[in-house]
C-alpha cells in the first residue's frame, strides 16, 4: 500500500489511507473480543490462526528479502533467538 500511496504525493490521500489502514486493527480486535465472548473455546483457534499468519508473512516476505540482501545468516540468527526467548518464557511461565 505504501508504494502507490507515496507515488500519489497527496497529503490528504496519504492521511486518509493511514487512518483507514489503522482502523483495521481495532475493528479486528473488536470482532475477536465479541467472538471470544460468545465462545471462549474459539480463543485457541484464533491464536493459532494469528500465529500461522505471522509465520506465513515472515517466511513469504523476510526470507526473499534476506536472500536479496545476502543476509540469510541474520534471518537464521533471529529465528534462533526468537525460539530461545520463547523457550525461556515457557520455562518461566509454565501454565
C-alpha atoms as a PDB file:
ATOM      1  CA  UNK A   1       0.000   0.000   0.000  1.00  0.00           C
ATOM      2  CA  UNK A   2       2.872   2.372   0.740  1.00  0.00           C
ATOM      3  CA  UNK A   3       4.374   2.481  -2.750  1.00  0.00           C
ATOM      4  CA  UNK A   4       1.216   3.534  -4.645  1.00  0.00           C
ATOM      5  CA  UNK A   5       0.276   5.925  -1.859  1.00  0.00           C
ATOM      6  CA  UNK A   6       3.700   7.574  -1.847  1.00  0.00           C
ATOM      7  CA  UNK A   7       3.560   7.901  -5.626  1.00  0.00           C
ATOM      8  CA  UNK A   8       0.362   9.973  -5.394  1.00  0.00           C
ATOM      9  CA  UNK A   9       2.125  12.724  -3.383  1.00  0.00           C
ATOM     10  CA  UNK A  10      -1.216  13.885  -1.987  1.00  0.00           C
ATOM     11  CA  UNK A  11      -1.063  14.528   1.753  1.00  0.00           C
ATOM     12  CA  UNK A  12      -4.820  14.200   2.118  1.00  0.00           C
ATOM     13  CA  UNK A  13      -4.825  10.822   0.401  1.00  0.00           C
ATOM     14  CA  UNK A  14      -1.876   9.609   2.469  1.00  0.00           C
ATOM     15  CA  UNK A  15      -3.550  10.733   5.694  1.00  0.00           C
ATOM     16  CA  UNK A  16      -6.850   9.084   4.739  1.00  0.00           C
ATOM     17  CA  UNK A  17      -5.103   5.854   3.746  1.00  0.00           C
ATOM     18  CA  UNK A  18      -3.215   5.791   7.059  1.00  0.00           C
ATOM     19  CA  UNK A  19      -6.444   6.308   9.010  1.00  0.00           C
ATOM     20  CA  UNK A  20      -8.257   3.635   7.003  1.00  0.00           C
ATOM     21  CA  UNK A  21      -5.472   1.077   7.390  1.00  0.00           C
ATOM     22  CA  UNK A  22      -5.182   1.915  11.095  1.00  0.00           C
ATOM     23  CA  UNK A  23      -8.881   1.199  11.631  1.00  0.00           C
ATOM     24  CA  UNK A  24      -8.412  -2.439  10.618  1.00  0.00           C
ATOM     25  CA  UNK A  25      -6.741  -3.324  13.918  1.00  0.00           C
ATOM     26  CA  UNK A  26      -9.356  -2.016  16.380  1.00  0.00           C
ATOM     27  CA  UNK A  27     -12.172  -3.360  14.218  1.00  0.00           C
ATOM     28  CA  UNK A  28     -10.492  -6.782  14.059  1.00  0.00           C
ATOM     29  CA  UNK A  29      -9.832  -6.707  17.801  1.00  0.00           C
ATOM     30  CA  UNK A  30     -13.477  -5.850  18.478  1.00  0.00           C
ATOM     31  CA  UNK A  31     -14.660  -8.721  16.302  1.00  0.00           C
ATOM     32  CA  UNK A  32     -12.224 -11.057  18.079  1.00  0.00           C
ATOM     33  CA  UNK A  33     -13.383  -9.937  21.524  1.00  0.00           C
ATOM     34  CA  UNK A  34     -17.019 -10.338  20.530  1.00  0.00           C
ATOM     35  CA  UNK A  35     -16.400 -13.825  19.115  1.00  0.00           C
ATOM     36  CA  UNK A  36     -14.385 -14.914  22.155  1.00  0.00           C
ATOM     37  CA  UNK A  37     -17.189 -13.766  24.469  1.00  0.00           C
ATOM     38  CA  UNK A  38     -19.666 -15.837  22.501  1.00  0.00           C
ATOM     39  CA  UNK A  39     -17.493 -18.963  22.611  1.00  0.00           C
ATOM     40  CA  UNK A  40     -14.326 -18.922  24.744  1.00  0.00           C
ATOM     41  CA  UNK A  41     -13.408 -22.302  23.235  1.00  0.00           C
ATOM     42  CA  UNK A  42     -12.551 -20.490  19.998  1.00  0.00           C
ATOM     43  CA  UNK A  43      -9.725 -18.430  21.525  1.00  0.00           C
ATOM     44  CA  UNK A  44      -7.024 -21.114  20.955  1.00  0.00           C
ATOM     45  CA  UNK A  45      -8.141 -21.381  17.326  1.00  0.00           C
ATOM     46  CA  UNK A  46      -7.906 -17.603  16.895  1.00  0.00           C
ATOM     47  CA  UNK A  47      -4.419 -17.626  18.416  1.00  0.00           C
ATOM     48  CA  UNK A  48      -3.336 -20.486  16.153  1.00  0.00           C
ATOM     49  CA  UNK A  49      -4.660 -18.614  13.121  1.00  0.00           C
ATOM     50  CA  UNK A  50      -2.788 -15.450  14.133  1.00  0.00           C
ATOM     51  CA  UNK A  51       0.423 -17.418  14.698  1.00  0.00           C
ATOM     52  CA  UNK A  52       0.077 -19.105  11.317  1.00  0.00           C
ATOM     53  CA  UNK A  53      -0.481 -15.764   9.621  1.00  0.00           C
ATOM     54  CA  UNK A  54       2.643 -14.311  11.244  1.00  0.00           C
ATOM     55  CA  UNK A  55       4.731 -17.338  10.252  1.00  0.00           C
ATOM     56  CA  UNK A  56       3.468 -17.072   6.680  1.00  0.00           C
ATOM     57  CA  UNK A  57       4.259 -13.354   6.475  1.00  0.00           C
ATOM     58  CA  UNK A  58       7.718 -13.935   7.937  1.00  0.00           C
ATOM     59  CA  UNK A  59       8.583 -16.690   5.506  1.00  0.00           C
ATOM     60  CA  UNK A  60       6.906 -15.100   2.491  1.00  0.00           C
ATOM     61  CA  UNK A  61       8.376 -11.627   2.961  1.00  0.00           C
ATOM     62  CA  UNK A  62      11.520 -11.848   5.077  1.00  0.00           C
ATOM     63  CA  UNK A  63      13.282 -14.857   3.559  1.00  0.00           C
ATOM     64  CA  UNK A  64      13.266 -13.460  -0.013  1.00  0.00           C
ATOM     65  CA  UNK A  65      14.400 -10.086   1.309  1.00  0.00           C
ATOM     66  CA  UNK A  66      17.214 -11.706   3.299  1.00  0.00           C
ATOM     67  CA  UNK A  67      18.265 -13.579   0.157  1.00  0.00           C
ATOM     68  CA  UNK A  68      18.163 -10.407  -1.917  1.00  0.00           C
ATOM     69  CA  UNK A  69      20.452  -8.594   0.509  1.00  0.00           C
ATOM     70  CA  UNK A  70      22.608 -11.660   1.159  1.00  0.00           C
ATOM     71  CA  UNK A  71      21.806 -11.743   4.885  1.00  0.00           C
ATOM     72  CA  UNK A  72      20.285 -15.202   5.397  1.00  0.00           C
ATOM     73  CA  UNK A  73      22.508 -15.708   8.434  1.00  0.00           C
ATOM     74  CA  UNK A  74      20.803 -12.771  10.201  1.00  0.00           C
ATOM     75  CA  UNK A  75      17.389 -14.280   9.450  1.00  0.00           C
ATOM     76  CA  UNK A  76      18.575 -17.607  10.874  1.00  0.00           C
ATOM     77  CA  UNK A  77      20.054 -15.898  13.918  1.00  0.00           C
ATOM     78  CA  UNK A  78      16.810 -14.009  14.523  1.00  0.00           C
ATOM     79  CA  UNK A  79      14.882 -17.250  14.231  1.00  0.00           C
ATOM     80  CA  UNK A  80      17.136 -18.978  16.761  1.00  0.00           C
ATOM     81  CA  UNK A  81      16.947 -16.051  19.200  1.00  0.00           C
ATOM     82  CA  UNK A  82      13.149 -15.963  18.968  1.00  0.00           C
ATOM     83  CA  UNK A  83      12.931 -19.710  19.659  1.00  0.00           C
ATOM     84  CA  UNK A  84      15.295 -19.304  22.630  1.00  0.00           C
ATOM     85  CA  UNK A  85      13.205 -16.452  24.050  1.00  0.00           C
ATOM     86  CA  UNK A  86      10.037 -18.499  23.569  1.00  0.00           C
ATOM     87  CA  UNK A  87      11.592 -21.490  25.368  1.00  0.00           C
ATOM     88  CA  UNK A  88      12.737 -19.241  28.213  1.00  0.00           C
ATOM     89  CA  UNK A  89       9.227 -17.815  28.565  1.00  0.00           C
ATOM     90  CA  UNK A  90       7.772 -21.322  28.656  1.00  0.00           C
ATOM     91  CA  UNK A  91      10.159 -22.235  31.475  1.00  0.00           C
ATOM     92  CA  UNK A  92       9.404 -19.042  33.413  1.00  0.00           C
ATOM     93  CA  UNK A  93       5.631 -19.255  32.967  1.00  0.00           C
ATOM     94  CA  UNK A  94       4.738 -22.948  32.610  1.00  0.00           C
ATOM     95  CA  UNK A  95       0.967 -22.533  32.762  1.00  0.00           C
END
